[in-house]
Protein backbone atom coordinates (compact mmCIF):
# COMPACT_ATOMS: atom_id res chain seq x y z
CA MET A 1 0.04 0.05 0.00
CA PRO A 2 1.25 3.31 -0.69
CA ARG A 3 2.40 5.73 2.23
CA ARG A 4 -0.41 7.75 3.18
CA PRO A 5 0.61 11.59 2.66
CA ASN A 6 1.88 13.94 5.56
CA ILE A 7 -0.48 16.50 6.41
CA ILE A 8 -0.12 20.01 7.63
CA LEU A 9 -3.50 22.22 9.05
CA CYS A 10 -2.07 25.92 9.54
CA THR A 11 -4.60 27.89 11.39
CA PHE A 12 -4.40 31.64 11.50
CA ASP A 13 -5.98 33.58 14.55
CA GLN A 14 -8.65 36.36 13.50
CA LEU A 15 -7.82 36.29 10.22
CA ARG A 16 -10.69 37.34 7.70
CA ALA A 17 -10.35 36.64 3.72
CA PHE A 18 -10.62 40.16 2.62
CA GLU A 19 -7.46 41.16 3.93
CA VAL A 20 -5.56 37.93 2.12
CA GLY A 21 -3.70 39.04 -1.74
CA CYS A 22 -5.02 36.49 -3.05
CA TYR A 23 -8.72 36.98 -2.29
CA GLY A 24 -8.66 40.13 -4.19
CA ASN A 25 -6.50 42.52 -1.45
CA PRO A 26 -4.42 44.83 -3.47
CA VAL A 27 -2.66 46.70 -0.62
CA ILE A 28 -2.09 43.83 2.10
CA ARG A 29 1.44 41.64 1.21
CA THR A 30 0.67 38.19 1.94
CA PRO A 31 3.15 35.77 -0.16
CA ALA A 32 3.01 33.01 1.22
CA LEU A 33 -0.85 32.68 1.19
CA ASP A 34 -0.44 33.85 -2.37
CA ARG A 35 1.94 31.41 -3.09
CA LEU A 36 -0.36 28.59 -1.71
CA ALA A 37 -2.98 30.00 -4.41
CA ARG A 38 -0.81 29.74 -6.89
CA GLU A 39 0.73 26.33 -6.11
CA GLY A 40 -2.70 24.88 -4.80
CA VAL A 41 -6.42 25.36 -4.60
CA ARG A 42 -8.34 28.39 -3.27
CA TRP A 43 -11.58 28.04 -2.02
CA GLN A 44 -13.41 31.37 -3.30
CA THR A 45 -16.40 31.25 0.06
CA ALA A 46 -15.12 29.81 3.15
CA VAL A 47 -17.06 30.63 6.58
CA THR A 48 -16.51 29.70 10.16
CA ASN A 49 -18.87 27.60 11.83
CA TYR A 50 -18.72 30.03 15.07
CA PRO A 51 -17.05 32.91 14.98
CA VAL A 52 -14.98 32.84 18.33
CA CYS A 53 -11.42 30.77 19.18
CA MET A 54 -12.52 27.70 21.19
CA ALA A 55 -15.49 26.93 19.32
CA ALA A 56 -13.81 27.54 15.71
CA ARG A 57 -11.05 24.94 16.72
CA SER A 58 -12.96 22.83 18.47
CA ALA A 59 -15.72 22.07 15.28
CA LEU A 60 -12.14 22.05 13.22
CA LEU A 61 -10.77 19.05 14.77
CA SER A 62 -14.22 17.21 16.01
CA GLY A 63 -15.56 17.68 12.48
CA GLN A 64 -18.90 18.67 14.29
CA TYR A 65 -20.64 21.47 15.19
CA ASN A 66 -20.17 23.23 18.59
CA ARG A 67 -23.34 22.39 20.15
CA THR A 68 -22.58 18.85 19.66
CA CYS A 69 -18.80 18.63 20.40
CA THR A 70 -18.86 21.35 23.30
CA GLY A 71 -22.91 21.83 24.28
CA GLY A 72 -22.39 25.34 23.22
CA VAL A 73 -19.51 26.45 25.10
CA SER A 74 -18.23 29.16 22.90
CA ASN A 75 -15.07 30.21 24.34
CA VAL A 76 -12.87 28.90 27.50
CA ASN A 77 -14.21 29.01 30.91
CA PHE A 78 -13.87 31.99 33.14
CA GLN A 79 -13.04 32.03 36.34
CA THR A 80 -13.67 34.32 38.85
CA ILE A 81 -10.89 35.71 41.00
CA GLY A 82 -11.01 38.38 43.34
CA GLY A 83 -14.39 39.51 42.02
CA ASP A 84 -12.86 39.71 38.31
CA CYS A 85 -13.27 37.25 35.55
CA ALA A 86 -10.05 35.75 34.21
CA MET A 87 -9.07 33.32 31.89
CA PRO A 88 -7.40 29.93 32.98
CA GLU A 89 -3.86 29.80 32.12
CA TYR A 90 -4.15 26.41 30.35
CA PRO A 91 -6.39 23.52 29.73
CA PHE A 92 -8.52 21.91 31.92
CA ALA A 93 -7.83 18.18 32.70
CA GLY A 94 -10.29 15.59 31.16
CA ARG A 95 -12.43 15.30 28.12
CA PRO A 96 -15.95 16.96 28.73
CA HIS A 97 -16.00 18.71 25.31
CA LEU A 98 -15.15 16.51 22.17
CA PRO A 99 -16.66 13.13 23.52
CA ASP A 100 -16.30 11.47 19.59
CA THR A 101 -13.15 10.47 17.76
CA THR A 102 -11.05 13.45 16.52
CA LEU A 103 -9.11 14.19 13.50
CA PRO A 104 -5.95 13.88 14.97
CA GLU A 105 -7.14 10.38 16.61
CA LEU A 106 -8.57 9.11 13.95
CA LEU A 107 -5.07 9.65 11.78
CA ARG A 108 -2.99 8.30 14.76
CA ALA A 109 -5.04 4.91 14.57
CA GLN A 110 -4.05 4.66 10.85
CA GLY A 111 -0.06 5.18 11.86
CA TYR A 112 0.00 9.03 11.93
CA HIS A 113 2.31 10.76 14.24
CA THR A 114 0.48 13.50 15.48
CA ALA A 115 1.70 17.04 16.54
CA ALA A 116 0.47 20.34 17.85
CA ILE A 117 2.62 23.54 18.02
CA GLY A 118 1.18 26.78 18.63
CA LYS A 119 -1.95 28.15 19.91
CA TRP A 120 -4.12 25.71 21.54
CA HIS A 121 -7.13 27.26 22.90
CA ILE A 122 -9.38 24.00 23.33
CA HIS A 123 -10.90 22.77 26.64
CA SER A 124 -8.69 19.70 27.18
CA TRP A 125 -5.02 18.89 26.98
CA PRO A 126 -3.42 17.64 23.58
CA GLN A 127 -2.77 14.60 24.45
CA ASP A 128 -6.45 13.74 25.59
CA VAL A 129 -7.62 14.38 22.01
CA GLY A 130 -5.06 12.71 19.73
CA PHE A 131 -1.47 14.69 19.64
CA ASP A 132 1.44 12.45 20.58
CA GLU A 133 3.40 15.87 21.13
CA TYR A 134 3.16 19.30 21.33
CA VAL A 135 4.48 22.48 22.45
CA ILE A 136 1.73 25.12 23.41
CA PRO A 137 1.22 28.55 24.81
CA ARG A 138 -0.75 29.50 27.96
CA VAL A 139 -4.76 31.05 26.36
CA HIS A 140 -3.11 34.18 27.16
CA HIS A 141 -2.21 36.16 23.90
CA CYS A 142 1.01 37.75 23.85
CA HIS A 143 4.17 38.00 21.42
CA THR A 144 6.85 38.55 24.17
CA GLY A 145 7.46 37.30 27.57
CA GLN A 146 5.16 34.03 26.36
CA SER A 147 4.84 31.35 28.54
CA TYR A 148 4.89 27.37 26.85
CA THR A 149 4.72 23.83 28.15
CA GLU A 150 5.98 21.11 25.79
CA ASN A 151 4.06 17.71 26.40
CA GLY A 152 2.65 18.98 29.70
CA GLY A 153 6.39 19.54 31.08
CA PRO A 154 7.36 22.72 32.79
CA GLU A 155 6.61 26.08 31.68
CA PHE A 156 9.67 27.77 29.98
CA VAL A 157 9.69 31.16 28.29
CA PRO A 158 11.82 31.27 25.24
CA PRO A 159 13.43 34.77 24.44
CA GLY A 160 12.09 36.77 21.68
CA TYR A 161 9.12 36.86 19.60
CA SER A 162 6.81 33.40 20.14
CA LEU A 163 6.08 33.63 16.69
CA ASP A 164 9.71 33.11 15.82
CA PHE A 165 9.93 30.52 18.28
CA GLU A 166 7.10 28.56 17.15
CA VAL A 167 7.98 28.70 13.33
CA GLU A 168 11.51 27.16 14.88
CA ARG A 169 10.04 24.47 16.33
CA VAL A 170 8.06 23.66 13.19
CA GLY A 171 11.13 23.10 11.38
CA ARG A 172 12.99 21.37 13.91
CA PHE A 173 10.07 19.02 14.05
CA LEU A 174 10.04 18.87 9.98
CA ARG A 175 13.57 17.79 10.01
CA ARG A 176 12.91 14.99 12.86
CA ARG A 177 10.20 13.86 10.46
CA ALA A 178 12.17 13.52 7.63
CA ALA A 179 14.14 10.46 9.01
CA GLU A 180 11.07 8.61 9.92
CA ALA A 181 9.03 6.49 7.69
CA GLU A 182 5.71 6.66 8.98
CA PRO A 183 3.68 10.08 8.14
CA PHE A 184 2.60 12.70 10.32
CA PHE A 185 0.02 15.07 11.08
CA LEU A 186 1.07 18.65 12.14
CA TYR A 187 -1.56 20.93 13.46
CA ALA A 188 0.25 24.45 13.37
CA ASN A 189 -1.36 27.39 15.08
CA ILE A 190 0.04 31.36 13.96
CA SER A 191 -1.28 33.54 16.43
CA PRO A 192 -1.46 37.05 14.55
CA PRO A 193 -3.19 38.55 13.47
CA HIS A 194 -5.20 38.32 17.06
CA CYS A 195 -4.23 41.05 19.28
CA PRO A 196 -1.87 42.12 20.82
CA MET A 197 -1.20 43.87 17.36
CA SER A 198 1.28 46.21 19.17
CA ASP A 199 2.90 43.57 20.10
CA ALA A 200 5.16 42.99 17.42
CA PRO A 201 8.38 43.68 15.68
CA ASP A 202 8.65 47.39 14.49
CA ALA A 203 9.16 46.67 10.79
CA TYR A 204 5.32 44.97 10.82
CA THR A 205 3.57 47.60 13.53
CA SER A 206 5.06 50.09 11.04
CA MET A 207 4.38 48.16 7.81
CA TYR A 208 1.51 50.04 6.67
CA ARG A 209 0.28 53.94 6.91
CA PRO A 210 -2.71 54.41 8.80
CA GLU A 211 -3.86 57.14 6.44
CA ALA A 212 -3.42 54.65 3.75
CA ALA A 213 -5.17 51.39 5.12
CA PRO A 214 -7.92 50.54 3.50
CA VAL A 215 -11.32 50.91 4.72
CA ARG A 216 -14.79 48.84 4.25
CA PRO A 217 -17.61 50.75 3.11
CA ASN A 218 -19.59 49.39 6.07
CA ALA A 219 -17.08 51.23 8.34
CA THR A 220 -16.75 54.70 9.25
CA PRO A 221 -13.77 55.65 10.86
CA GLU A 222 -15.04 59.45 11.38
CA ARG A 223 -17.73 57.92 14.22
CA ARG A 224 -16.89 56.64 17.32
CA LEU A 225 -17.28 53.60 18.55
CA ASP A 226 -18.81 52.84 21.54
CA HIS A 227 -16.25 52.20 24.12
CA GLN A 228 -13.57 53.04 21.51
CA GLU A 229 -10.80 53.34 23.55
CA THR A 230 -11.06 50.69 25.71
CA HIS A 231 -11.50 48.30 22.48
CA PHE A 232 -8.21 50.04 20.80
CA LYS A 233 -6.23 49.28 23.85
CA VAL A 234 -7.22 45.89 23.64
CA TYR A 235 -6.29 45.27 20.19
CA ARG A 236 -3.01 47.06 20.90
CA TRP A 237 -1.92 44.98 24.30
CA ASP A 238 -4.66 42.48 24.75
CA PHE A 239 -4.97 40.78 28.60
CA ARG A 240 -1.78 43.58 29.76
CA HIS A 241 -4.53 46.22 29.37
CA TYR A 242 -7.81 44.11 30.34
CA SER A 243 -6.79 42.10 33.23
CA PHE A 244 -3.52 43.47 34.06
CA HIS A 245 -4.18 47.16 33.77
CA LEU A 246 -0.48 47.76 32.80
CA PRO A 247 0.65 51.56 32.53
CA TYR A 248 1.94 51.34 29.57
CA THR A 249 -1.56 50.01 28.23
CA GLU A 250 -3.76 52.49 29.56
CA GLU A 251 -2.56 55.55 26.77
CA LEU A 252 -3.44 55.83 23.08
CA PRO A 253 -1.08 57.68 20.95
CA GLU A 254 -3.23 61.25 20.61
CA GLY A 255 -5.89 61.27 17.08
CA TYR A 256 -5.27 57.14 17.50
CA GLY A 257 -8.17 56.26 15.46
CA LEU A 258 -9.55 53.16 13.52
CA ARG A 259 -7.19 53.72 10.83
CA ASP A 260 -4.54 52.78 13.03
CA ILE A 261 -5.99 49.61 14.36
CA ILE A 262 -6.28 48.57 10.89
CA ALA A 263 -2.81 49.35 9.61
CA LEU A 264 -1.87 47.22 12.93
CA TYR A 265 -3.95 44.44 11.91
CA TYR A 266 -2.25 44.74 8.23
CA GLY A 267 0.97 44.51 9.78
CA ALA A 268 0.08 41.45 12.08
CA THR A 269 -1.51 39.70 9.27
CA THR A 270 1.74 40.18 6.69
CA TRP A 271 4.10 38.95 9.62
CA ALA A 272 1.75 35.93 10.11
CA ASP A 273 2.38 35.30 6.45
CA ASP A 274 5.87 35.36 6.81
CA ALA A 275 5.91 32.92 9.35
CA LEU A 276 4.25 31.18 7.29
CA GLY A 277 6.32 31.38 4.60
CA ARG A 278 9.11 30.14 6.52
CA MET A 279 7.47 27.26 7.13
CA LEU A 280 6.81 26.72 3.79
CA ALA A 281 10.51 26.81 3.02
CA ALA A 282 11.29 24.37 6.11
CA LEU A 283 8.82 22.02 4.07
CA ASP A 284 11.19 22.28 0.70
CA GLU A 285 14.38 22.14 3.06
CA VAL A 286 13.99 18.93 4.34
CA GLY A 287 12.27 17.36 0.93
CA LEU A 288 8.84 17.17 1.99
CA ALA A 289 6.62 19.45 -0.32
CA ASP A 290 5.58 17.00 -2.30
CA GLU A 291 4.34 14.04 -0.34
CA THR A 292 2.47 16.72 2.38
CA ILE A 293 -1.09 18.13 1.85
CA VAL A 294 -0.75 21.77 3.34
CA MET A 295 -4.00 23.33 4.45
CA VAL A 296 -4.43 26.95 5.97
CA THR A 297 -7.44 28.51 6.96
CA SER A 298 -8.54 31.08 10.04
CA ASP A 299 -10.85 30.28 13.05
CA HIS A 300 -12.86 33.45 12.29
CA GLY A 301 -12.31 36.81 11.18
CA ASP A 302 -12.51 40.60 12.86
CA ASN A 303 -14.96 43.19 12.27
CA LEU A 304 -12.29 46.02 12.79
CA GLY A 305 -15.13 48.38 13.04
CA SER A 306 -17.24 47.26 10.25
CA HIS A 307 -21.23 47.90 11.48
CA GLY A 308 -19.48 49.72 14.46
CA LEU A 309 -18.36 46.36 15.75
CA VAL A 310 -15.10 45.15 17.35
CA GLN A 311 -13.87 41.63 17.53
CA LYS A 312 -15.61 38.81 16.57
CA GLY A 313 -18.82 36.62 17.53
CA THR A 314 -21.73 38.28 14.95
CA PRO A 315 -23.41 37.22 12.17
CA ASN A 316 -21.84 39.46 9.56
CA GLU A 317 -18.98 38.53 6.94
CA GLU A 318 -16.31 40.59 8.37
CA SER A 319 -16.50 38.27 11.36
CA ILE A 320 -17.57 34.65 9.76
CA ARG A 321 -15.52 34.86 6.65
CA VAL A 322 -12.21 32.96 6.31
CA PRO A 323 -9.54 31.60 3.94
CA LEU A 324 -8.99 28.52 2.52
CA LEU A 325 -5.94 27.11 0.69
CA ALA A 326 -5.22 23.57 0.23
CA ARG A 327 -1.88 22.29 -1.84
CA TRP A 328 -0.70 18.83 -2.62
CA PRO A 329 1.61 18.73 -5.97
CA GLY A 330 0.74 16.45 -8.40
CA ARG A 331 -2.55 15.36 -6.55
CA LEU A 332 -4.44 18.48 -6.83
CA PRO A 333 -4.63 21.27 -9.45
CA ALA A 334 -2.53 24.30 -9.20
CA GLY A 335 -3.82 27.59 -9.42
CA GLU A 336 -7.48 26.91 -9.43
CA VAL A 337 -10.40 28.34 -7.58
CA ALA A 338 -12.75 25.24 -6.12
CA GLY A 339 -16.26 24.97 -5.43
CA ALA A 340 -19.40 27.28 -6.19
CA GLY A 341 -20.55 26.31 -2.92
CA VAL A 342 -19.79 27.20 0.77
CA ALA A 343 -17.23 25.45 2.81
CA SER A 344 -17.15 25.67 6.59
CA LEU A 345 -14.50 24.31 9.18
CA VAL A 346 -16.37 20.91 9.91
CA ASP A 347 -15.88 20.27 6.23
CA LEU A 348 -12.06 20.19 7.03
CA ALA A 349 -11.42 16.85 8.59
CA PRO A 350 -13.62 14.92 6.25
CA THR A 351 -11.68 16.40 3.73
CA LEU A 352 -8.27 15.52 5.16
CA LEU A 353 -9.80 12.17 6.12
CA GLU A 354 -10.60 11.30 2.51
CA LEU A 355 -7.92 12.62 0.74
CA SER A 356 -5.51 10.56 2.76
CA GLY A 357 -7.68 7.69 1.65
CA LEU A 358 -9.42 7.42 4.73
CA ALA A 359 -13.28 7.20 5.23
CA PRO A 360 -15.10 9.84 7.39
CA PRO A 361 -17.05 8.45 10.30
CA PRO A 362 -20.49 8.98 10.77
CA HIS A 363 -20.25 11.28 13.66
CA MET A 364 -18.67 14.13 11.68
CA HIS A 365 -21.07 16.29 10.61
CA GLY A 366 -18.98 18.14 7.78
CA ALA A 367 -19.09 16.94 4.07
CA SER A 368 -15.73 16.34 2.21
CA LEU A 369 -14.68 18.89 0.02
CA ALA A 370 -11.72 16.48 -1.41
CA PRO A 371 -13.84 15.87 -5.04
CA ALA A 372 -13.99 19.64 -6.11
CA LEU A 373 -10.57 20.26 -4.64
CA ARG A 374 -9.35 17.55 -7.20
CA GLY A 375 -11.12 19.49 -9.86
CA ASP A 376 -14.43 17.11 -10.53
CA ALA A 377 -16.38 19.29 -12.65
CA GLU A 378 -19.51 17.93 -10.78
CA ALA A 379 -18.62 18.63 -7.36
CA THR A 380 -19.67 22.09 -6.25
CA GLY A 381 -19.01 21.72 -2.35
CA PRO A 382 -21.80 22.56 0.46
CA GLU A 383 -24.76 24.64 -0.59
CA ALA A 384 -24.54 26.54 2.50
CA GLY A 385 -22.16 27.04 5.94
CA ILE A 386 -24.00 27.11 9.27
CA VAL A 387 -22.78 29.49 11.63
CA GLU A 388 -23.41 29.04 15.47
CA MET A 389 -23.77 32.03 18.40
CA GLY A 390 -24.47 31.84 21.32
CA HIS A 391 -27.39 34.16 20.45
CA GLY A 392 -28.45 32.26 17.29
CA VAL A 393 -28.00 30.69 14.24
CA ALA A 394 -27.07 31.79 10.85
CA VAL A 395 -26.81 30.43 7.36
CA ARG A 396 -24.60 31.70 4.70
CA THR A 397 -25.53 30.76 1.10
CA ALA A 398 -23.03 31.42 -1.81
CA GLU A 399 -25.53 34.48 -2.27
CA ARG A 400 -27.43 35.06 1.10
CA MET A 401 -26.94 35.27 4.87
CA ALA A 402 -29.74 34.81 7.22
CA PHE A 403 -29.68 35.22 11.17
CA ILE A 404 -32.38 33.74 13.79
CA PRO A 405 -31.61 34.73 17.14
CA PHE A 406 -32.47 32.34 20.10
CA ASP A 407 -36.17 33.52 21.63
CA GLY A 408 -35.02 31.75 25.03
CA GLU A 409 -32.54 28.87 25.37
CA ARG A 410 -31.31 26.58 22.68
CA ARG A 411 -35.33 27.77 21.14
CA LEU A 412 -35.05 29.68 17.72
CA ALA A 413 -37.33 32.75 17.47
CA GLU A 414 -40.17 32.45 14.55
CA ALA A 415 -38.52 34.64 12.34
CA ALA A 416 -35.03 35.67 11.12
CA THR A 417 -33.97 39.30 12.22
CA GLN A 418 -31.55 39.98 9.32
CA ILE A 419 -31.29 38.64 5.92
CA TYR A 420 -29.05 40.06 3.21
CA ASP A 421 -28.74 40.06 -0.69
CA LEU A 422 -24.67 39.65 -0.84
CA ASP A 423 -24.78 39.75 -4.56
CA ALA A 424 -26.38 43.03 -4.64
CA ASP A 425 -25.50 44.15 -1.03
CA PRO A 426 -21.76 42.46 -0.18
CA TYR A 427 -21.37 45.16 2.40
CA GLU A 428 -24.95 44.19 3.95
CA MET A 429 -26.12 47.69 4.50
CA ARG A 430 -29.74 46.94 3.85
CA ASN A 431 -31.45 44.39 5.95
CA LEU A 432 -34.21 42.85 3.94
CA ALA A 433 -35.78 40.93 7.15
CA GLY A 434 -39.61 41.00 6.92
CA ASP A 435 -39.47 42.72 3.38
CA PRO A 436 -42.76 41.57 1.97
CA ALA A 437 -40.98 41.00 -1.51
CA ARG A 438 -38.80 38.80 -0.23
CA SER A 439 -40.88 36.42 1.94
CA ALA A 440 -40.31 32.96 0.04
CA GLU A 441 -36.68 33.89 0.20
CA GLN A 442 -37.12 34.36 3.56
CA ALA A 443 -38.65 31.77 4.66
CA GLU A 444 -36.57 29.29 2.09
CA LEU A 445 -33.14 30.53 4.33
CA GLU A 446 -35.50 29.90 7.65
CA ARG A 447 -36.38 26.27 6.33
CA ARG A 448 -32.58 25.47 6.05
CA ILE A 449 -31.79 27.22 9.85
CA ARG A 450 -34.80 25.26 11.44
CA GLU A 451 -33.93 21.86 9.63
CA TRP A 452 -30.47 22.36 10.62
CA ASP A 453 -31.59 23.03 14.40
CA ALA A 454 -33.72 19.45 14.58
CA ARG A 455 -31.19 17.29 13.16
CA THR A 456 -28.37 18.43 14.97
CA PRO A 457 -28.15 17.40 18.58
CA TRP A 458 -27.12 19.31 21.34
CA MET A 459 -23.98 17.25 23.60
CA ALA A 460 -25.61 16.08 26.95
CA SER A 461 -23.91 18.07 29.48
CA PRO A 462 -20.80 16.34 30.84
């Protein structure tokens, strides 16, 4: 039997598809992502299934919707310390979430060596859900002075920037695996452009001029956001502002505005892309590129002021649209755009299993994208992607988006409160919910959400 391919699944944190060169952005510098688009396949429309870190990553590794793999938990469980809420530093013991066999467990059962390097942000420790080895940071986000554990061992703080350390560990892993006969699955997670965006090398924080930073038409830099100063300080410094309140994080430069934040986001994105480029170079250097599937995506996007919103967690394009690229030289076409449908994170586990010659198990909710990635003219991919949130459920088709809020615990309201025609209104400026002229269209979109809701079980409380 031929050797199964190696797999690298690389996830950026909070990277929306609109800020990637191969997705049409003329300003951003993303040469590594653009290289993957030239050498592999780019999926035109991909969405997260839950636009929050832990929920999205849980869906990604389980191939299940969040309500089934975590019971609807959207993020790390916060603890109350001294009257203040604080995030845990590391995962919790046991396995209260992801009860069914995960992607790394299925691959390991078929002879894969499994590893995770970089951001983790899943409730359980990596070894509890299928990883043979790992190097992960604390839950808190920072790029200097970051603490790590390797395989659950004592904490250590590497010098310099965390991203440089993680890239070096990926290279070390690849050099070691090049001498081994068994295939590997590497889950490599890149934290930027997630905040703290000011905790980065000067070359990137000053790379883009704020006055030249593109602003989406649904964002208004001249209008103040609610709680703008606090949001901008969090974007710049993350927990070192909101938990530690370190004095240097308490001040913003005079005249600081949304364009400054967008420029920082662009710089952090290029920094993350450069890290991906170094990983791809390491794969080339050890001679494994032709034997390795490389798939790159993001856990969710970032609002960056669109609709007056910041961060993520909302049912709009800026929050839910993510890049999706796949390369496997000689097995997947090069320079192609795949699928007329909407891919989502739950589809990636079944896709990687099928590309590896394995059958996805029945408990996975996603559909394999492998036929469309291979260029099958009859394969368009899923017709729609479902996006869960703590306050409701959205459906994203190739042309439309609809959202039904929850009316009480786990119960959908009587009607959608948001519907957008994305062909005519790509920036979602005109809400069509309740428009009599769109009643048939609204009924069809609501039907999709309700049918998904009826057939997708909630995980029992652990």
